[in-house]
N, C-alpha and C. Protein backbone atom coordinates (compact mmCIF):
# COMPACT_ATOMS: atom_id res chain seq x y z
N MET A 1 1.00 -80.10 -4.30
CA MET A 1 1.00 -81.41 -3.69
C MET A 1 -0.25 -81.54 -2.81
N ALA A 2 -1.07 -82.55 -3.10
CA ALA A 2 -2.29 -82.78 -2.33
C ALA A 2 -1.94 -83.56 -1.07
N ARG A 3 -2.53 -83.16 0.03
CA ARG A 3 -2.30 -83.83 1.31
C ARG A 3 -3.61 -84.44 1.78
N ILE A 4 -3.65 -85.77 1.81
CA ILE A 4 -4.86 -86.48 2.22
C ILE A 4 -4.49 -87.47 3.31
N ALA A 5 -5.22 -87.46 4.41
CA ALA A 5 -5.00 -88.35 5.55
C ALA A 5 -3.57 -88.26 6.07
N GLY A 6 -2.99 -87.07 6.04
CA GLY A 6 -1.64 -86.85 6.57
C GLY A 6 -0.54 -87.33 5.66
N VAL A 7 -0.86 -87.65 4.39
CA VAL A 7 0.14 -88.14 3.45
C VAL A 7 0.17 -87.23 2.23
N ASN A 8 1.37 -86.84 1.81
CA ASN A 8 1.50 -86.10 0.56
C ASN A 8 1.44 -87.10 -0.58
N ILE A 9 0.38 -87.03 -1.38
CA ILE A 9 0.27 -87.97 -2.48
C ILE A 9 0.89 -87.36 -3.74
N PRO A 10 1.54 -88.19 -4.58
CA PRO A 10 2.24 -87.66 -5.76
C PRO A 10 1.28 -87.00 -6.75
N THR A 11 1.69 -85.86 -7.30
CA THR A 11 0.80 -85.07 -8.16
C THR A 11 0.78 -85.56 -9.60
N GLN A 12 1.82 -86.22 -10.06
CA GLN A 12 1.90 -86.62 -11.47
C GLN A 12 1.10 -87.89 -11.77
N LYS A 13 0.76 -88.65 -10.76
CA LYS A 13 0.09 -89.94 -10.98
C LYS A 13 -1.42 -89.78 -11.07
N ARG A 14 -2.07 -90.84 -11.60
CA ARG A 14 -3.53 -90.85 -11.62
C ARG A 14 -4.04 -90.96 -10.19
N VAL A 15 -5.24 -90.46 -9.95
CA VAL A 15 -5.79 -90.40 -8.59
C VAL A 15 -5.91 -91.80 -7.99
N VAL A 16 -6.36 -92.77 -8.81
CA VAL A 16 -6.55 -94.14 -8.31
C VAL A 16 -5.23 -94.71 -7.81
N ILE A 17 -4.14 -94.44 -8.51
CA ILE A 17 -2.83 -94.95 -8.11
C ILE A 17 -2.30 -94.15 -6.92
N ALA A 18 -2.48 -92.85 -6.93
CA ALA A 18 -1.94 -91.99 -5.87
C ALA A 18 -2.58 -92.29 -4.51
N LEU A 19 -3.85 -92.66 -4.51
CA LEU A 19 -4.53 -92.95 -3.24
C LEU A 19 -3.95 -94.18 -2.56
N THR A 20 -3.33 -95.08 -3.32
CA THR A 20 -2.76 -96.28 -2.71
C THR A 20 -1.50 -95.96 -1.90
N TYR A 21 -0.98 -94.74 -1.98
CA TYR A 21 0.16 -94.34 -1.16
C TYR A 21 -0.26 -94.14 0.29
N ILE A 22 -1.56 -94.10 0.55
CA ILE A 22 -2.08 -93.97 1.91
C ILE A 22 -2.16 -95.37 2.52
N HIS A 23 -1.58 -95.55 3.70
CA HIS A 23 -1.58 -96.86 4.37
C HIS A 23 -3.02 -97.23 4.71
N GLY A 24 -3.45 -98.39 4.22
CA GLY A 24 -4.81 -98.85 4.49
C GLY A 24 -5.73 -98.72 3.29
N ILE A 25 -5.24 -98.13 2.19
CA ILE A 25 -6.03 -98.01 0.97
C ILE A 25 -5.28 -98.71 -0.15
N GLY A 26 -5.90 -99.76 -0.67
CA GLY A 26 -5.34 -100.49 -1.80
C GLY A 26 -6.04 -100.07 -3.08
N SER A 27 -5.83 -100.83 -4.13
CA SER A 27 -6.39 -100.44 -5.43
C SER A 27 -7.92 -100.53 -5.45
N THR A 28 -8.49 -101.54 -4.80
CA THR A 28 -9.95 -101.69 -4.79
C THR A 28 -10.61 -100.54 -4.04
N LYS A 29 -10.11 -100.23 -2.86
CA LYS A 29 -10.68 -99.13 -2.08
C LYS A 29 -10.48 -97.80 -2.80
N ALA A 30 -9.34 -97.62 -3.47
CA ALA A 30 -9.08 -96.39 -4.21
C ALA A 30 -10.10 -96.23 -5.34
N ARG A 31 -10.38 -97.33 -6.06
CA ARG A 31 -11.39 -97.26 -7.13
C ARG A 31 -12.77 -96.93 -6.56
N ASN A 32 -13.11 -97.53 -5.41
CA ASN A 32 -14.41 -97.25 -4.78
C ASN A 32 -14.53 -95.79 -4.38
N ILE A 33 -13.46 -95.22 -3.84
CA ILE A 33 -13.46 -93.81 -3.43
C ILE A 33 -13.66 -92.92 -4.64
N CYS A 34 -12.97 -93.23 -5.75
CA CYS A 34 -13.11 -92.42 -6.97
C CYS A 34 -14.52 -92.50 -7.53
N GLU A 35 -15.13 -93.70 -7.48
CA GLU A 35 -16.52 -93.83 -7.94
C GLU A 35 -17.45 -93.02 -7.05
N LEU A 36 -17.24 -93.08 -5.76
CA LEU A 36 -18.08 -92.37 -4.80
C LEU A 36 -18.00 -90.86 -5.01
N CYS A 37 -16.79 -90.37 -5.29
CA CYS A 37 -16.58 -88.93 -5.49
C CYS A 37 -16.77 -88.51 -6.95
N LYS A 38 -17.16 -89.46 -7.82
CA LYS A 38 -17.40 -89.21 -9.25
C LYS A 38 -16.18 -88.60 -9.94
N ILE A 39 -15.02 -89.21 -9.69
CA ILE A 39 -13.78 -88.77 -10.34
C ILE A 39 -13.42 -89.81 -11.39
N PRO A 40 -13.23 -89.40 -12.66
CA PRO A 40 -12.87 -90.37 -13.71
C PRO A 40 -11.50 -91.00 -13.47
N ASN A 41 -11.32 -92.22 -13.96
CA ASN A 41 -10.08 -92.97 -13.73
C ASN A 41 -8.86 -92.31 -14.36
N GLU A 42 -9.04 -91.56 -15.44
CA GLU A 42 -7.91 -90.96 -16.15
C GLU A 42 -7.40 -89.68 -15.48
N ARG A 43 -8.14 -89.12 -14.55
CA ARG A 43 -7.80 -87.84 -13.92
C ARG A 43 -6.53 -87.97 -13.10
N ARG A 44 -5.67 -86.97 -13.20
CA ARG A 44 -4.43 -86.93 -12.43
C ARG A 44 -4.63 -86.04 -11.20
N VAL A 45 -3.80 -86.23 -10.21
CA VAL A 45 -3.94 -85.51 -8.94
C VAL A 45 -3.81 -84.00 -9.16
N GLN A 46 -2.89 -83.58 -10.03
CA GLN A 46 -2.68 -82.13 -10.25
C GLN A 46 -3.88 -81.48 -10.92
N GLU A 47 -4.74 -82.27 -11.56
CA GLU A 47 -5.93 -81.74 -12.24
C GLU A 47 -7.15 -81.65 -11.31
N LEU A 48 -7.04 -82.15 -10.08
CA LEU A 48 -8.16 -82.13 -9.15
C LEU A 48 -8.46 -80.71 -8.67
N THR A 49 -9.74 -80.42 -8.50
CA THR A 49 -10.12 -79.15 -7.90
C THR A 49 -10.10 -79.29 -6.38
N ASP A 50 -10.17 -78.16 -5.70
CA ASP A 50 -10.19 -78.19 -4.23
C ASP A 50 -11.42 -78.93 -3.71
N GLN A 51 -12.55 -78.78 -4.41
CA GLN A 51 -13.78 -79.47 -4.00
C GLN A 51 -13.61 -80.99 -4.08
N GLU A 52 -12.95 -81.46 -5.14
CA GLU A 52 -12.75 -82.90 -5.31
C GLU A 52 -11.81 -83.46 -4.25
N VAL A 53 -10.75 -82.72 -3.95
CA VAL A 53 -9.82 -83.15 -2.90
C VAL A 53 -10.55 -83.22 -1.56
N LEU A 54 -11.39 -82.22 -1.30
CA LEU A 54 -12.16 -82.21 -0.06
C LEU A 54 -13.13 -83.39 -0.01
N ALA A 55 -13.75 -83.71 -1.14
CA ALA A 55 -14.68 -84.85 -1.20
C ALA A 55 -13.95 -86.16 -0.92
N ILE A 56 -12.74 -86.30 -1.47
CA ILE A 56 -11.94 -87.51 -1.23
C ILE A 56 -11.59 -87.62 0.25
N ARG A 57 -11.15 -86.50 0.84
CA ARG A 57 -10.82 -86.49 2.27
C ARG A 57 -11.99 -86.93 3.12
N GLU A 58 -13.17 -86.36 2.84
CA GLU A 58 -14.36 -86.68 3.63
C GLU A 58 -14.76 -88.15 3.45
N ALA A 59 -14.65 -88.67 2.23
CA ALA A 59 -15.00 -90.07 1.98
C ALA A 59 -14.08 -91.01 2.75
N ILE A 60 -12.79 -90.68 2.78
CA ILE A 60 -11.84 -91.52 3.51
C ILE A 60 -12.08 -91.43 5.01
N ASP A 61 -12.31 -90.22 5.52
CA ASP A 61 -12.55 -90.04 6.96
C ASP A 61 -13.80 -90.78 7.43
N GLN A 62 -14.85 -90.77 6.60
CA GLN A 62 -16.11 -91.41 6.99
C GLN A 62 -16.03 -92.93 6.96
N ASP A 63 -15.47 -93.48 5.89
CA ASP A 63 -15.63 -94.91 5.62
C ASP A 63 -14.44 -95.79 5.96
N TYR A 64 -13.24 -95.23 6.10
CA TYR A 64 -12.05 -96.07 6.22
C TYR A 64 -11.20 -95.70 7.42
N ILE A 65 -10.53 -96.72 7.97
CA ILE A 65 -9.52 -96.50 9.01
C ILE A 65 -8.18 -96.55 8.30
N VAL A 66 -7.42 -95.44 8.37
CA VAL A 66 -6.17 -95.35 7.62
C VAL A 66 -5.04 -94.82 8.49
N GLU A 67 -3.82 -94.97 7.99
CA GLU A 67 -2.58 -94.43 8.57
C GLU A 67 -2.42 -94.75 10.05
N GLY A 68 -2.26 -93.75 10.90
CA GLY A 68 -1.91 -93.96 12.31
C GLY A 68 -2.92 -94.79 13.07
N ASP A 69 -4.21 -94.54 12.83
CA ASP A 69 -5.25 -95.30 13.53
C ASP A 69 -5.19 -96.78 13.16
N LEU A 70 -4.96 -97.06 11.88
CA LEU A 70 -4.87 -98.45 11.43
C LEU A 70 -3.64 -99.13 12.00
N ARG A 71 -2.50 -98.44 11.98
CA ARG A 71 -1.27 -99.00 12.54
C ARG A 71 -1.45 -99.29 14.03
N ARG A 72 -2.09 -98.36 14.74
CA ARG A 72 -2.32 -98.53 16.18
C ARG A 72 -3.24 -99.73 16.44
N GLU A 73 -4.28 -99.85 15.63
CA GLU A 73 -5.23 -100.96 15.80
C GLU A 73 -4.54 -102.31 15.55
N LYS A 74 -3.72 -102.39 14.50
CA LYS A 74 -2.97 -103.62 14.21
C LYS A 74 -2.04 -103.97 15.38
N ALA A 75 -1.32 -102.96 15.88
CA ALA A 75 -0.39 -103.19 16.99
C ALA A 75 -1.14 -103.67 18.23
N MET A 76 -2.31 -103.09 18.50
CA MET A 76 -3.11 -103.49 19.67
C MET A 76 -3.62 -104.93 19.51
N ASN A 77 -4.00 -105.32 18.29
CA ASN A 77 -4.46 -106.70 18.05
C ASN A 77 -3.33 -107.69 18.32
N ILE A 78 -2.12 -107.37 17.85
CA ILE A 78 -0.97 -108.25 18.07
C ILE A 78 -0.62 -108.30 19.55
N LYS A 79 -0.67 -107.15 20.21
CA LYS A 79 -0.36 -107.08 21.64
C LYS A 79 -1.37 -107.91 22.44
N ARG A 80 -2.64 -107.86 22.05
CA ARG A 80 -3.68 -108.64 22.72
C ARG A 80 -3.38 -110.14 22.60
N LEU A 81 -3.00 -110.58 21.39
CA LEU A 81 -2.65 -112.00 21.21
C LEU A 81 -1.47 -112.39 22.08
N MET A 82 -0.48 -111.50 22.17
CA MET A 82 0.71 -111.80 22.98
C MET A 82 0.35 -111.86 24.46
N ASP A 83 -0.51 -110.96 24.91
CA ASP A 83 -0.90 -110.94 26.33
C ASP A 83 -1.72 -112.17 26.70
N LEU A 84 -2.55 -112.64 25.76
CA LEU A 84 -3.36 -113.83 26.01
C LEU A 84 -2.49 -115.07 26.15
N GLY A 85 -1.36 -115.06 25.47
CA GLY A 85 -0.48 -116.22 25.51
C GLY A 85 -0.95 -117.34 24.60
N CYS A 86 -1.78 -117.01 23.62
CA CYS A 86 -2.24 -118.03 22.68
C CYS A 86 -1.11 -118.37 21.72
N TYR A 87 -1.31 -119.39 20.91
CA TYR A 87 -0.26 -119.88 20.01
C TYR A 87 0.24 -118.77 19.09
N ARG A 88 -0.70 -118.05 18.47
CA ARG A 88 -0.30 -116.97 17.56
C ARG A 88 0.48 -115.88 18.30
N GLY A 89 0.06 -115.59 19.52
CA GLY A 89 0.77 -114.60 20.33
C GLY A 89 2.19 -115.04 20.65
N LEU A 90 2.37 -116.32 20.95
CA LEU A 90 3.70 -116.84 21.24
C LEU A 90 4.59 -116.76 20.01
N ARG A 91 4.04 -117.06 18.83
CA ARG A 91 4.82 -116.97 17.58
C ARG A 91 5.25 -115.53 17.32
N HIS A 92 4.34 -114.57 17.57
CA HIS A 92 4.70 -113.15 17.44
C HIS A 92 5.83 -112.80 18.41
N ARG A 93 5.69 -113.26 19.65
CA ARG A 93 6.67 -112.94 20.69
C ARG A 93 8.06 -113.48 20.34
N LYS A 94 8.10 -114.69 19.77
CA LYS A 94 9.38 -115.31 19.41
C LYS A 94 9.92 -114.83 18.07
N GLY A 95 9.11 -114.10 17.31
CA GLY A 95 9.55 -113.61 16.02
C GLY A 95 9.59 -114.69 14.96
N LEU A 96 8.69 -115.65 15.05
CA LEU A 96 8.61 -116.75 14.09
C LEU A 96 7.37 -116.58 13.22
N PRO A 97 7.28 -117.33 12.10
CA PRO A 97 6.08 -117.22 11.26
C PRO A 97 4.83 -117.60 12.04
N VAL A 98 3.74 -116.89 11.79
CA VAL A 98 2.52 -117.04 12.60
C VAL A 98 1.51 -117.97 11.94
N HIS A 99 1.50 -118.05 10.61
CA HIS A 99 0.42 -118.72 9.91
C HIS A 99 0.76 -120.12 9.43
N GLY A 100 1.56 -120.87 10.18
CA GLY A 100 1.78 -122.28 9.90
C GLY A 100 2.82 -122.58 8.85
N GLN A 101 3.64 -121.61 8.46
CA GLN A 101 4.68 -121.90 7.47
C GLN A 101 5.78 -122.75 8.09
N ARG A 102 6.54 -123.42 7.23
CA ARG A 102 7.64 -124.25 7.72
C ARG A 102 8.80 -123.36 8.16
N THR A 103 9.56 -123.83 9.14
CA THR A 103 10.70 -123.06 9.63
C THR A 103 12.00 -123.82 9.56
N HIS A 104 11.95 -125.10 9.19
CA HIS A 104 13.18 -125.89 9.09
C HIS A 104 14.09 -125.27 8.03
N THR A 105 13.52 -124.95 6.89
CA THR A 105 14.21 -124.14 5.89
C THR A 105 13.33 -122.93 5.64
N ASN A 106 13.85 -121.93 5.00
CA ASN A 106 13.11 -120.70 4.70
C ASN A 106 12.77 -119.93 5.98
N ALA A 107 11.79 -119.06 5.94
CA ALA A 107 11.38 -118.20 7.06
C ALA A 107 12.47 -117.21 7.45
N ARG A 108 13.39 -116.91 6.55
CA ARG A 108 14.50 -116.01 6.86
C ARG A 108 14.04 -114.57 7.10
N THR A 109 12.97 -114.15 6.45
CA THR A 109 12.48 -112.79 6.65
C THR A 109 12.07 -112.60 8.10
N ARG A 110 11.38 -113.58 8.64
CA ARG A 110 10.85 -113.49 10.00
C ARG A 110 11.93 -113.78 11.04
N LYS A 111 12.80 -114.76 10.77
CA LYS A 111 13.80 -115.19 11.75
C LYS A 111 15.07 -114.34 11.73
N GLY A 112 15.31 -113.62 10.62
CA GLY A 112 16.52 -112.83 10.51
C GLY A 112 17.62 -113.63 9.84
N PRO A 113 18.80 -113.04 9.68
CA PRO A 113 19.88 -113.75 8.99
C PRO A 113 20.33 -114.98 9.77
N ALA A 114 20.81 -115.99 9.04
CA ALA A 114 21.24 -117.25 9.66
C ALA A 114 22.46 -117.01 10.53
N ARG A 115 22.48 -117.64 11.69
CA ARG A 115 23.60 -117.53 12.62
C ARG A 115 24.32 -118.87 12.68
N ALA A 116 25.62 -118.84 12.73
CA ALA A 116 26.40 -120.08 12.81
C ALA A 116 26.26 -120.68 14.20
N ILE A 117 26.25 -122.01 14.26
CA ILE A 117 26.16 -122.71 15.54
C ILE A 117 27.56 -123.16 15.92
N ALA A 118 28.00 -122.83 17.13
CA ALA A 118 29.36 -123.17 17.57
C ALA A 118 29.53 -124.69 17.67
N GLY A 119 30.64 -125.21 17.13
CA GLY A 119 30.94 -126.62 17.24
C GLY A 119 30.30 -127.48 16.19
N LYS A 120 29.45 -126.93 15.34
CA LYS A 120 28.80 -127.73 14.31
C LYS A 120 29.64 -127.67 13.04
N LYS A 121 30.00 -128.84 12.51
CA LYS A 121 30.80 -128.92 11.29
C LYS A 121 29.92 -129.19 10.10
N LYS A 122 30.29 -128.64 8.97
CA LYS A 122 29.58 -128.95 7.74
C LYS A 122 29.98 -130.33 7.28
N VAL A 123 29.00 -131.10 6.84
CA VAL A 123 29.27 -132.46 6.37
C VAL A 123 29.57 -132.39 4.89
N THR A 124 30.73 -132.91 4.49
CA THR A 124 31.11 -132.93 3.08
C THR A 124 31.00 -134.36 2.56
N LYS A 125 30.59 -134.48 1.33
CA LYS A 125 30.42 -135.82 0.74
C LYS A 125 31.42 -136.04 -0.35
């Protein structure tokens, strides 16, 4: 099992796919890393040599912010917005959609499960 950026990546998958298991690396960045390290797209993780794994690690450490550092940076950005008291910060604080989506209907992922309102009757037709 190869361990890159603190994540055990699956050994049976192709390297390009396995790298996406690291938080902060998507398919485009994974392809760029493989090109940089001169690893063919068909190569599987279990077929990598120690030198290739080391090259991948170094490429990720040099060029990308991943895993804990990325999560911390995202959290700090959200905290900064909340501390400023700007509109986006207030939406984060209230747990509502931030990017202008409608909330009259939908937005259940952000708002949580629907709660019944006391005294409100359903209107039947």
